[in-house]
């Protein structure tokens, strides 16, 4: 597995997003554990989760608990950087709410520590800005957790360029990652990706494959990815991730998966080299 850098840690160039294994439409636990173990077998050493990745109101942290179980039952579990998040909540009715208050973030971190069974969380990310709470206050809580040794590294998610710079300043230059939505059909985070590249901060695209299952539909924005995929004899999903990796060495996609075969295909993107012309064609989509 090729590696990339988050802070001072080398991780697999392709990570795994755990959300599909815990929200609506999730598979049974056996398949989820098989998916997580398949990822580890394939060399994945970055798994992204959040305390809000659950379905029912009474199962906060479902995904964190699932991941902890998978890591404890695999001989490579200790090699994995678990990146979790706080600041989002799910009342259990399918909606998402926010609480970016310092008090909530500190309580959420303590609960995540217990569920993951660790003394310090490898990477803790502020999940999403809360319009009711000054951004500086939320990031200040993350800074406190970092200073107290509750977390080893700090990241943010769903942030704009101004918030990236602000967070990095509050953290004293210790911001190591930004996790934003980014895919061929959702490119509004290009500016954030470019800023991360400039600052040497890891950029973790979430939902990097969103909509690509329609790649072979006439007129789809993903159609060129299907064309390139056919030329290489691989899936459009694999081409999509290879294209992202080619954009910058700070990019580490975290495709969600709930099947062993899909994470294996995603991991193979790290070995796919696209031509300069292919990359230019996909950039122009």
C-alpha atoms as a PDB file:
ATOM      1  CA  UNK A   1       0.000   0.000   0.000  1.00  0.00           C
ATOM      2  CA  UNK A   2       1.272   3.455  -0.919  1.00  0.00           C
ATOM      3  CA  UNK A   3       1.307   5.879   1.985  1.00  0.00           C
ATOM      4  CA  UNK A   4       0.658   9.550   2.588  1.00  0.00           C
ATOM      5  CA  UNK A   5       1.153  11.781   5.589  1.00  0.00           C
ATOM      6  CA  UNK A   6      -1.183  13.076   8.298  1.00  0.00           C
ATOM      7  CA  UNK A   7       0.820  15.140  10.755  1.00  0.00           C
ATOM      8  CA  UNK A   8       3.800  12.972  11.641  1.00  0.00           C
ATOM      9  CA  UNK A   9       2.112   9.663  10.781  1.00  0.00           C
ATOM     10  CA  UNK A  10       2.228   7.704   7.523  1.00  0.00           C
ATOM     11  CA  UNK A  11      -1.151   6.243   6.575  1.00  0.00           C
ATOM     12  CA  UNK A  12      -2.483   4.333   3.595  1.00  0.00           C
ATOM     13  CA  UNK A  13      -3.111   6.540   0.549  1.00  0.00           C
ATOM     14  CA  UNK A  14      -6.719   5.323   0.579  1.00  0.00           C
ATOM     15  CA  UNK A  15      -8.646   5.287   3.847  1.00  0.00           C
ATOM     16  CA  UNK A  16     -12.024   3.856   4.769  1.00  0.00           C
ATOM     17  CA  UNK A  17     -15.097   5.858   5.734  1.00  0.00           C
ATOM     18  CA  UNK A  18     -17.155   3.952   8.278  1.00  0.00           C
ATOM     19  CA  UNK A  19     -20.479   5.807   8.092  1.00  0.00           C
ATOM     20  CA  UNK A  20     -22.374   3.395   5.734  1.00  0.00           C
ATOM     21  CA  UNK A  21     -21.922   0.617   8.262  1.00  0.00           C
ATOM     22  CA  UNK A  22     -23.905   2.417  10.958  1.00  0.00           C
ATOM     23  CA  UNK A  23     -26.625   4.671   9.548  1.00  0.00           C
ATOM     24  CA  UNK A  24     -29.876   3.955   7.703  1.00  0.00           C
ATOM     25  CA  UNK A  25     -29.627   0.993   5.336  1.00  0.00           C
ATOM     26  CA  UNK A  26     -26.652  -0.452   7.194  1.00  0.00           C
ATOM     27  CA  UNK A  27     -25.706  -4.112   6.819  1.00  0.00           C
ATOM     28  CA  UNK A  28     -25.631  -6.607   9.654  1.00  0.00           C
ATOM     29  CA  UNK A  29     -22.670  -6.571  11.994  1.00  0.00           C
ATOM     30  CA  UNK A  30     -21.058  -9.647  10.467  1.00  0.00           C
ATOM     31  CA  UNK A  31     -20.770  -8.011   7.039  1.00  0.00           C
ATOM     32  CA  UNK A  32     -19.511  -4.781   8.558  1.00  0.00           C
ATOM     33  CA  UNK A  33     -16.793  -6.612  10.468  1.00  0.00           C
ATOM     34  CA  UNK A  34     -15.877  -8.510   7.297  1.00  0.00           C
ATOM     35  CA  UNK A  35     -15.594  -5.186   5.459  1.00  0.00           C
ATOM     36  CA  UNK A  36     -13.355  -3.687   8.128  1.00  0.00           C
ATOM     37  CA  UNK A  37     -11.162  -6.788   8.188  1.00  0.00           C
ATOM     38  CA  UNK A  38     -10.944  -6.764   4.376  1.00  0.00           C
ATOM     39  CA  UNK A  39      -9.738  -3.173   4.563  1.00  0.00           C
ATOM     40  CA  UNK A  40      -7.036  -4.105   7.058  1.00  0.00           C
ATOM     41  CA  UNK A  41      -6.020  -7.107   4.972  1.00  0.00           C
ATOM     42  CA  UNK A  42      -5.665  -4.790   1.952  1.00  0.00           C
ATOM     43  CA  UNK A  43      -3.352  -2.440   3.843  1.00  0.00           C
ATOM     44  CA  UNK A  44      -5.724   0.311   4.972  1.00  0.00           C
ATOM     45  CA  UNK A  45      -4.316   2.119   8.018  1.00  0.00           C
ATOM     46  CA  UNK A  46      -6.740   5.062   8.189  1.00  0.00           C
ATOM     47  CA  UNK A  47     -10.369   4.619   9.231  1.00  0.00           C
ATOM     48  CA  UNK A  48     -12.667   7.614   9.572  1.00  0.00           C
ATOM     49  CA  UNK A  49     -15.652   7.604  11.903  1.00  0.00           C
ATOM     50  CA  UNK A  50     -17.705   9.907  14.161  1.00  0.00           C
ATOM     51  CA  UNK A  51     -19.802   9.631  17.293  1.00  0.00           C
ATOM     52  CA  UNK A  52     -22.824  10.675  15.191  1.00  0.00           C
ATOM     53  CA  UNK A  53     -22.533   7.716  12.825  1.00  0.00           C
ATOM     54  CA  UNK A  54     -25.500   5.826  14.209  1.00  0.00           C
ATOM     55  CA  UNK A  55     -29.154   5.309  13.317  1.00  0.00           C
ATOM     56  CA  UNK A  56     -31.155   5.248  16.535  1.00  0.00           C
ATOM     57  CA  UNK A  57     -31.109   7.834  19.313  1.00  0.00           C
ATOM     58  CA  UNK A  58     -29.968   5.320  21.926  1.00  0.00           C
ATOM     59  CA  UNK A  59     -26.877   4.100  20.048  1.00  0.00           C
ATOM     60  CA  UNK A  60     -24.579   7.126  19.896  1.00  0.00           C
ATOM     61  CA  UNK A  61     -21.122   6.003  18.816  1.00  0.00           C
ATOM     62  CA  UNK A  62     -22.362   2.833  17.062  1.00  0.00           C
ATOM     63  CA  UNK A  63     -19.670   3.135  14.388  1.00  0.00           C
ATOM     64  CA  UNK A  64     -16.872   3.818  16.866  1.00  0.00           C
ATOM     65  CA  UNK A  65     -17.850   0.725  18.850  1.00  0.00           C
ATOM     66  CA  UNK A  66     -17.985  -1.365  15.686  1.00  0.00           C
ATOM     67  CA  UNK A  67     -14.543  -0.199  14.586  1.00  0.00           C
ATOM     68  CA  UNK A  68     -13.056  -0.838  18.018  1.00  0.00           C
ATOM     69  CA  UNK A  69     -14.407  -4.407  17.875  1.00  0.00           C
ATOM     70  CA  UNK A  70     -12.968  -4.968  14.395  1.00  0.00           C
ATOM     71  CA  UNK A  71      -9.533  -3.633  15.338  1.00  0.00           C
ATOM     72  CA  UNK A  72      -9.387  -5.691  18.532  1.00  0.00           C
ATOM     73  CA  UNK A  73     -10.093  -8.876  16.571  1.00  0.00           C
ATOM     74  CA  UNK A  74      -7.460  -8.352  13.842  1.00  0.00           C
ATOM     75  CA  UNK A  75      -3.714  -8.746  14.193  1.00  0.00           C
ATOM     76  CA  UNK A  76      -3.110  -5.469  12.307  1.00  0.00           C
ATOM     77  CA  UNK A  77      -5.599  -3.452  14.314  1.00  0.00           C
ATOM     78  CA  UNK A  78      -2.898  -1.634  16.247  1.00  0.00           C
ATOM     79  CA  UNK A  79      -1.452  -0.243  12.993  1.00  0.00           C
ATOM     80  CA  UNK A  80      -4.566   1.827  12.237  1.00  0.00           C
ATOM     81  CA  UNK A  81      -5.049   5.557  12.766  1.00  0.00           C
ATOM     82  CA  UNK A  82      -8.668   6.022  13.824  1.00  0.00           C
ATOM     83  CA  UNK A  83      -9.971   9.481  12.975  1.00  0.00           C
ATOM     84  CA  UNK A  84     -13.183  10.340  14.756  1.00  0.00           C
ATOM     85  CA  UNK A  85     -15.253  13.500  15.027  1.00  0.00           C
ATOM     86  CA  UNK A  86     -17.454  15.434  17.429  1.00  0.00           C
ATOM     87  CA  UNK A  87     -19.950  18.262  17.048  1.00  0.00           C
ATOM     88  CA  UNK A  88     -22.765  16.537  15.147  1.00  0.00           C
ATOM     89  CA  UNK A  89     -25.744  14.801  16.729  1.00  0.00           C
ATOM     90  CA  UNK A  90     -28.526  12.543  15.467  1.00  0.00           C
ATOM     91  CA  UNK A  91     -31.804  12.680  17.402  1.00  0.00           C
ATOM     92  CA  UNK A  92     -32.921   9.372  15.886  1.00  0.00           C
ATOM     93  CA  UNK A  93     -35.456  10.723  13.399  1.00  0.00           C
ATOM     94  CA  UNK A  94     -33.026  10.727  10.481  1.00  0.00           C
ATOM     95  CA  UNK A  95     -31.999  14.360  10.957  1.00  0.00           C
ATOM     96  CA  UNK A  96     -28.603  15.827  11.812  1.00  0.00           C
ATOM     97  CA  UNK A  97     -28.147  18.594  14.387  1.00  0.00           C
ATOM     98  CA  UNK A  98     -25.081  20.422  15.696  1.00  0.00           C
ATOM     99  CA  UNK A  99     -23.490  21.284  19.012  1.00  0.00           C
ATOM    100  CA  UNK A 100     -20.130  22.997  18.730  1.00  0.00           C
ATOM    101  CA  UNK A 101     -20.033  24.221  22.311  1.00  0.00           C
ATOM    102  CA  UNK A 102     -16.745  23.573  24.119  1.00  0.00           C
ATOM    103  CA  UNK A 103     -18.612  21.703  26.840  1.00  0.00           C
ATOM    104  CA  UNK A 104     -20.208  19.310  24.384  1.00  0.00           C
ATOM    105  CA  UNK A 105     -17.014  18.705  22.427  1.00  0.00           C
ATOM    106  CA  UNK A 106     -15.074  17.837  25.564  1.00  0.00           C
ATOM    107  CA  UNK A 107     -17.793  15.465  26.782  1.00  0.00           C
ATOM    108  CA  UNK A 108     -18.029  13.903  23.321  1.00  0.00           C
ATOM    109  CA  UNK A 109     -14.285  13.336  23.198  1.00  0.00           C
ATOM    110  CA  UNK A 110     -14.320  11.590  26.580  1.00  0.00           C
ATOM    111  CA  UNK A 111     -17.125   9.308  25.404  1.00  0.00           C
ATOM    112  CA  UNK A 112     -15.267   8.519  22.169  1.00  0.00           C
ATOM    113  CA  UNK A 113     -12.159   7.645  24.165  1.00  0.00           C
ATOM    114  CA  UNK A 114     -14.155   5.099  26.151  1.00  0.00           C
ATOM    115  CA  UNK A 115     -15.820   3.557  23.100  1.00  0.00           C
ATOM    116  CA  UNK A 116     -12.554   3.278  21.181  1.00  0.00           C
ATOM    117  CA  UNK A 117     -10.770   1.927  24.240  1.00  0.00           C
ATOM    118  CA  UNK A 118      -7.740   4.198  23.910  1.00  0.00           C
ATOM    119  CA  UNK A 119      -5.894   6.646  26.140  1.00  0.00           C
ATOM    120  CA  UNK A 120      -5.669   9.241  23.362  1.00  0.00           C
ATOM    121  CA  UNK A 121      -7.579   9.558  20.092  1.00  0.00           C
ATOM    122  CA  UNK A 122      -5.266   9.460  17.080  1.00  0.00           C
ATOM    123  CA  UNK A 123      -7.048  12.185  15.112  1.00  0.00           C
ATOM    124  CA  UNK A 124      -9.995  14.147  16.496  1.00  0.00           C
ATOM    125  CA  UNK A 125     -11.913  16.421  14.123  1.00  0.00           C
ATOM    126  CA  UNK A 126     -14.467  19.166  14.727  1.00  0.00           C
ATOM    127  CA  UNK A 127     -17.299  17.774  12.609  1.00  0.00           C
ATOM    128  CA  UNK A 128     -19.151  20.867  11.401  1.00  0.00           C
ATOM    129  CA  UNK A 129     -19.328  24.565  12.376  1.00  0.00           C
ATOM    130  CA  UNK A 130     -22.237  25.419  14.662  1.00  0.00           C
ATOM    131  CA  UNK A 131     -23.779  28.797  13.753  1.00  0.00           C
ATOM    132  CA  UNK A 132     -24.800  29.294  17.385  1.00  0.00           C
ATOM    133  CA  UNK A 133     -21.239  29.015  18.693  1.00  0.00           C
ATOM    134  CA  UNK A 134     -18.259  31.199  17.729  1.00  0.00           C
ATOM    135  CA  UNK A 135     -15.904  29.089  15.624  1.00  0.00           C
ATOM    136  CA  UNK A 136     -12.971  30.176  17.769  1.00  0.00           C
ATOM    137  CA  UNK A 137     -14.672  28.749  20.860  1.00  0.00           C
ATOM    138  CA  UNK A 138     -15.195  25.356  19.213  1.00  0.00           C
ATOM    139  CA  UNK A 139     -11.609  25.177  17.977  1.00  0.00           C
ATOM    140  CA  UNK A 140     -10.421  26.356  21.368  1.00  0.00           C
ATOM    141  CA  UNK A 141     -11.936  23.200  22.854  1.00  0.00           C
ATOM    142  CA  UNK A 142     -10.061  21.086  20.308  1.00  0.00           C
ATOM    143  CA  UNK A 143      -6.861  22.930  21.259  1.00  0.00           C
ATOM    144  CA  UNK A 144      -7.486  22.173  24.931  1.00  0.00           C
ATOM    145  CA  UNK A 145      -7.979  18.473  24.177  1.00  0.00           C
ATOM    146  CA  UNK A 146      -4.714  18.488  22.230  1.00  0.00           C
ATOM    147  CA  UNK A 147      -2.841  20.247  25.030  1.00  0.00           C
ATOM    148  CA  UNK A 148      -4.270  17.832  27.608  1.00  0.00           C
ATOM    149  CA  UNK A 149      -3.120  14.799  25.610  1.00  0.00           C
ATOM    150  CA  UNK A 150      -6.664  13.512  25.111  1.00  0.00           C
ATOM    151  CA  UNK A 151      -6.060  13.624  21.347  1.00  0.00           C
ATOM    152  CA  UNK A 152      -2.796  13.179  19.464  1.00  0.00           C
ATOM    153  CA  UNK A 153      -3.710  15.224  16.398  1.00  0.00           C
ATOM    154  CA  UNK A 154      -6.404  17.759  15.516  1.00  0.00           C
ATOM    155  CA  UNK A 155      -8.438  18.209  12.350  1.00  0.00           C
ATOM    156  CA  UNK A 156     -11.540  20.021  11.116  1.00  0.00           C
ATOM    157  CA  UNK A 157     -14.326  19.092   8.738  1.00  0.00           C
ATOM    158  CA  UNK A 158     -16.694  21.016   6.465  1.00  0.00           C
ATOM    159  CA  UNK A 159     -14.569  24.156   6.682  1.00  0.00           C
ATOM    160  CA  UNK A 160     -13.933  27.067   4.315  1.00  0.00           C
ATOM    161  CA  UNK A 161     -10.506  28.664   3.677  1.00  0.00           C
ATOM    162  CA  UNK A 162     -11.003  31.321   6.342  1.00  0.00           C
ATOM    163  CA  UNK A 163     -11.895  28.697   8.931  1.00  0.00           C
ATOM    164  CA  UNK A 164      -8.890  26.572   7.952  1.00  0.00           C
ATOM    165  CA  UNK A 165      -6.553  29.515   8.546  1.00  0.00           C
ATOM    166  CA  UNK A 166      -8.336  30.480  11.750  1.00  0.00           C
ATOM    167  CA  UNK A 167      -8.237  26.943  13.125  1.00  0.00           C
ATOM    168  CA  UNK A 168      -4.572  26.542  12.282  1.00  0.00           C
ATOM    169  CA  UNK A 169      -3.813  29.782  14.080  1.00  0.00           C
ATOM    170  CA  UNK A 170      -5.783  28.841  17.207  1.00  0.00           C
ATOM    171  CA  UNK A 171      -4.093  25.441  17.229  1.00  0.00           C
ATOM    172  CA  UNK A 172      -0.674  27.046  16.975  1.00  0.00           C
ATOM    173  CA  UNK A 173       0.089  25.600  13.556  1.00  0.00           C
ATOM    174  CA  UNK A 174      -0.931  22.096  14.641  1.00  0.00           C
ATOM    175  CA  UNK A 175      -3.886  21.575  12.291  1.00  0.00           C
ATOM    176  CA  UNK A 176      -3.090  18.356  10.430  1.00  0.00           C
ATOM    177  CA  UNK A 177      -6.197  17.648   8.346  1.00  0.00           C
ATOM    178  CA  UNK A 178      -9.278  19.076   6.668  1.00  0.00           C
ATOM    179  CA  UNK A 179     -12.174  16.785   5.735  1.00  0.00           C
ATOM    180  CA  UNK A 180     -14.563  18.278   3.162  1.00  0.00           C
ATOM    181  CA  UNK A 181     -16.972  16.884   0.630  1.00  0.00           C
ATOM    182  CA  UNK A 182     -15.248  16.522  -2.731  1.00  0.00           C
ATOM    183  CA  UNK A 183     -16.075  14.437  -5.796  1.00  0.00           C
ATOM    184  CA  UNK A 184     -16.274  14.862  -9.582  1.00  0.00           C
ATOM    185  CA  UNK A 185     -19.819  16.192  -9.150  1.00  0.00           C
ATOM    186  CA  UNK A 186     -19.037  18.296  -6.059  1.00  0.00           C
ATOM    187  CA  UNK A 187     -15.958  20.424  -6.584  1.00  0.00           C
ATOM    188  CA  UNK A 188     -16.754  23.459  -4.468  1.00  0.00           C
ATOM    189  CA  UNK A 189     -13.896  22.511  -2.124  1.00  0.00           C
ATOM    190  CA  UNK A 190     -11.196  23.094  -4.760  1.00  0.00           C
ATOM    191  CA  UNK A 191     -10.072  26.231  -2.894  1.00  0.00           C
ATOM    192  CA  UNK A 192      -9.770  24.323   0.359  1.00  0.00           C
ATOM    193  CA  UNK A 193      -7.805  21.556  -1.345  1.00  0.00           C
ATOM    194  CA  UNK A 194      -5.415  24.117  -2.851  1.00  0.00           C
ATOM    195  CA  UNK A 195      -4.939  25.805   0.535  1.00  0.00           C
ATOM    196  CA  UNK A 196      -4.208  22.477   2.205  1.00  0.00           C
ATOM    197  CA  UNK A 197      -1.660  21.731  -0.506  1.00  0.00           C
ATOM    198  CA  UNK A 198      -0.023  25.103   0.139  1.00  0.00           C
ATOM    199  CA  UNK A 199       0.061  24.581   3.918  1.00  0.00           C
ATOM    200  CA  UNK A 200       0.998  20.892   3.824  1.00  0.00           C
ATOM    201  CA  UNK A 201      -2.221  19.851   5.579  1.00  0.00           C
ATOM    202  CA  UNK A 202      -3.870  16.536   4.671  1.00  0.00           C
ATOM    203  CA  UNK A 203      -7.107  16.910   2.701  1.00  0.00           C
ATOM    204  CA  UNK A 204      -9.583  14.060   3.257  1.00  0.00           C
ATOM    205  CA  UNK A 205     -12.398  14.060   0.668  1.00  0.00           C
ATOM    206  CA  UNK A 206     -15.604  12.629   2.092  1.00  0.00           C
ATOM    207  CA  UNK A 207     -18.149  11.051  -0.235  1.00  0.00           C
ATOM    208  CA  UNK A 208     -15.488  10.966  -2.971  1.00  0.00           C
ATOM    209  CA  UNK A 209     -17.529   8.513  -5.055  1.00  0.00           C
ATOM    210  CA  UNK A 210     -20.918  10.173  -4.631  1.00  0.00           C
ATOM    211  CA  UNK A 211     -23.073   9.390  -7.653  1.00  0.00           C
ATOM    212  CA  UNK A 212     -20.422   7.546  -9.635  1.00  0.00           C
ATOM    213  CA  UNK A 213     -22.605   4.444  -9.885  1.00  0.00           C
ATOM    214  CA  UNK A 214     -24.323   6.407 -12.686  1.00  0.00           C
ATOM    215  CA  UNK A 215     -21.042   6.783 -14.578  1.00  0.00           C
ATOM    216  CA  UNK A 216     -22.267   4.917 -17.635  1.00  0.00           C
ATOM    217  CA  UNK A 217     -25.504   6.878 -17.973  1.00  0.00           C
ATOM    218  CA  UNK A 218     -25.721   9.129 -21.013  1.00  0.00           C
ATOM    219  CA  UNK A 219     -24.845  12.703 -20.120  1.00  0.00           C
ATOM    220  CA  UNK A 220     -23.613  11.865 -16.623  1.00  0.00           C
ATOM    221  CA  UNK A 221     -20.855  14.082 -15.245  1.00  0.00           C
ATOM    222  CA  UNK A 222     -19.101  10.806 -14.481  1.00  0.00           C
ATOM    223  CA  UNK A 223     -19.215   9.515 -18.065  1.00  0.00           C
ATOM    224  CA  UNK A 224     -15.568  10.420 -18.804  1.00  0.00           C
ATOM    225  CA  UNK A 225     -14.562   8.386 -15.766  1.00  0.00           C
ATOM    226  CA  UNK A 226     -16.325   5.377 -17.280  1.00  0.00           C
ATOM    227  CA  UNK A 227     -14.471   5.931 -20.556  1.00  0.00           C
ATOM    228  CA  UNK A 228     -11.084   6.043 -18.835  1.00  0.00           C
ATOM    229  CA  UNK A 229     -12.055   3.033 -16.742  1.00  0.00           C
ATOM    230  CA  UNK A 230     -12.807   0.994 -19.849  1.00  0.00           C
ATOM    231  CA  UNK A 231      -9.399   1.875 -21.277  1.00  0.00           C
ATOM    232  CA  UNK A 232      -7.711   0.524 -18.155  1.00  0.00           C
ATOM    233  CA  UNK A 233     -10.072  -2.386 -17.588  1.00  0.00           C
ATOM    234  CA  UNK A 234     -11.020  -1.169 -14.113  1.00  0.00           C
ATOM    235  CA  UNK A 235     -14.056   0.356 -12.388  1.00  0.00           C
ATOM    236  CA  UNK A 236     -15.005   4.053 -12.676  1.00  0.00           C
ATOM    237  CA  UNK A 237     -14.742   4.194  -8.887  1.00  0.00           C
ATOM    238  CA  UNK A 238     -11.090   3.198  -9.052  1.00  0.00           C
ATOM    239  CA  UNK A 239     -10.410   5.837 -11.695  1.00  0.00           C
ATOM    240  CA  UNK A 240     -12.141   8.477  -9.587  1.00  0.00           C
ATOM    241  CA  UNK A 241      -9.934   7.801  -6.581  1.00  0.00           C
ATOM    242  CA  UNK A 242      -6.771   7.645  -8.707  1.00  0.00           C
ATOM    243  CA  UNK A 243      -7.708  11.031 -10.197  1.00  0.00           C
ATOM    244  CA  UNK A 244      -8.042  12.485  -6.700  1.00  0.00           C
ATOM    245  CA  UNK A 245      -4.685  11.081  -5.632  1.00  0.00           C
ATOM    246  CA  UNK A 246      -3.099  12.696  -8.684  1.00  0.00           C
ATOM    247  CA  UNK A 247      -4.387  16.145  -7.737  1.00  0.00           C
ATOM    248  CA  UNK A 248      -2.027  16.602  -4.780  1.00  0.00           C
ATOM    249  CA  UNK A 249       0.121  14.522  -2.432  1.00  0.00           C
ATOM    250  CA  UNK A 250      -1.936  15.847   0.508  1.00  0.00           C
ATOM    251  CA  UNK A 251      -5.149  14.178  -0.750  1.00  0.00           C
ATOM    252  CA  UNK A 252      -6.219  11.024   1.104  1.00  0.00           C
ATOM    253  CA  UNK A 253      -9.688   9.873  -0.015  1.00  0.00           C
ATOM    254  CA  UNK A 254     -11.871   8.095   2.542  1.00  0.00           C
ATOM    255  CA  UNK A 255     -14.532   6.284   0.487  1.00  0.00           C
ATOM    256  CA  UNK A 256     -17.364   4.823   2.505  1.00  0.00           C
ATOM    257  CA  UNK A 257     -17.925   1.107   2.186  1.00  0.00           C
ATOM    258  CA  UNK A 258     -20.058  -1.650   3.640  1.00  0.00           C
ATOM    259  CA  UNK A 259     -18.884  -4.553   1.469  1.00  0.00           C
ATOM    260  CA  UNK A 260     -15.458  -6.236   1.385  1.00  0.00           C
ATOM    261  CA  UNK A 261     -15.339  -6.168  -2.416  1.00  0.00           C
ATOM    262  CA  UNK A 262     -15.887  -2.410  -2.665  1.00  0.00           C
ATOM    263  CA  UNK A 263     -13.124  -1.448  -0.241  1.00  0.00           C
ATOM    264  CA  UNK A 264     -10.736  -3.831  -2.018  1.00  0.00           C
ATOM    265  CA  UNK A 265     -11.512  -2.099  -5.310  1.00  0.00           C
ATOM    266  CA  UNK A 266     -11.033   1.325  -3.744  1.00  0.00           C
ATOM    267  CA  UNK A 267      -7.666   0.387  -2.268  1.00  0.00           C
ATOM    268  CA  UNK A 268      -6.450  -0.716  -5.712  1.00  0.00           C
ATOM    269  CA  UNK A 269      -6.749   2.912  -6.903  1.00  0.00           C
ATOM    270  CA  UNK A 270      -3.408   3.648  -5.251  1.00  0.00           C
ATOM    271  CA  UNK A 271      -1.746   1.425  -7.868  1.00  0.00           C
ATOM    272  CA  UNK A 272      -3.530   2.968 -10.866  1.00  0.00           C
ATOM    273  CA  UNK A 273      -1.487   5.546 -12.789  1.00  0.00           C
ATOM    274  CA  UNK A 274      -3.425   7.840 -15.109  1.00  0.00           C
ATOM    275  CA  UNK A 275      -1.829   9.614 -18.048  1.00  0.00           C
ATOM    276  CA  UNK A 276      -1.418  13.382 -18.162  1.00  0.00           C
ATOM    277  CA  UNK A 277      -4.070  13.554 -20.886  1.00  0.00           C
ATOM    278  CA  UNK A 278      -6.501  11.419 -18.877  1.00  0.00           C
ATOM    279  CA  UNK A 279      -6.082  13.632 -15.827  1.00  0.00           C
ATOM    280  CA  UNK A 280      -6.621  16.747 -17.934  1.00  0.00           C
ATOM    281  CA  UNK A 281      -9.803  15.246 -19.394  1.00  0.00           C
ATOM    282  CA  UNK A 282     -11.166  14.395 -15.967  1.00  0.00           C
ATOM    283  CA  UNK A 283     -10.203  17.799 -14.555  1.00  0.00           C
ATOM    284  CA  UNK A 284     -12.277  19.409 -17.299  1.00  0.00           C
ATOM    285  CA  UNK A 285     -15.475  17.527 -16.441  1.00  0.00           C
END
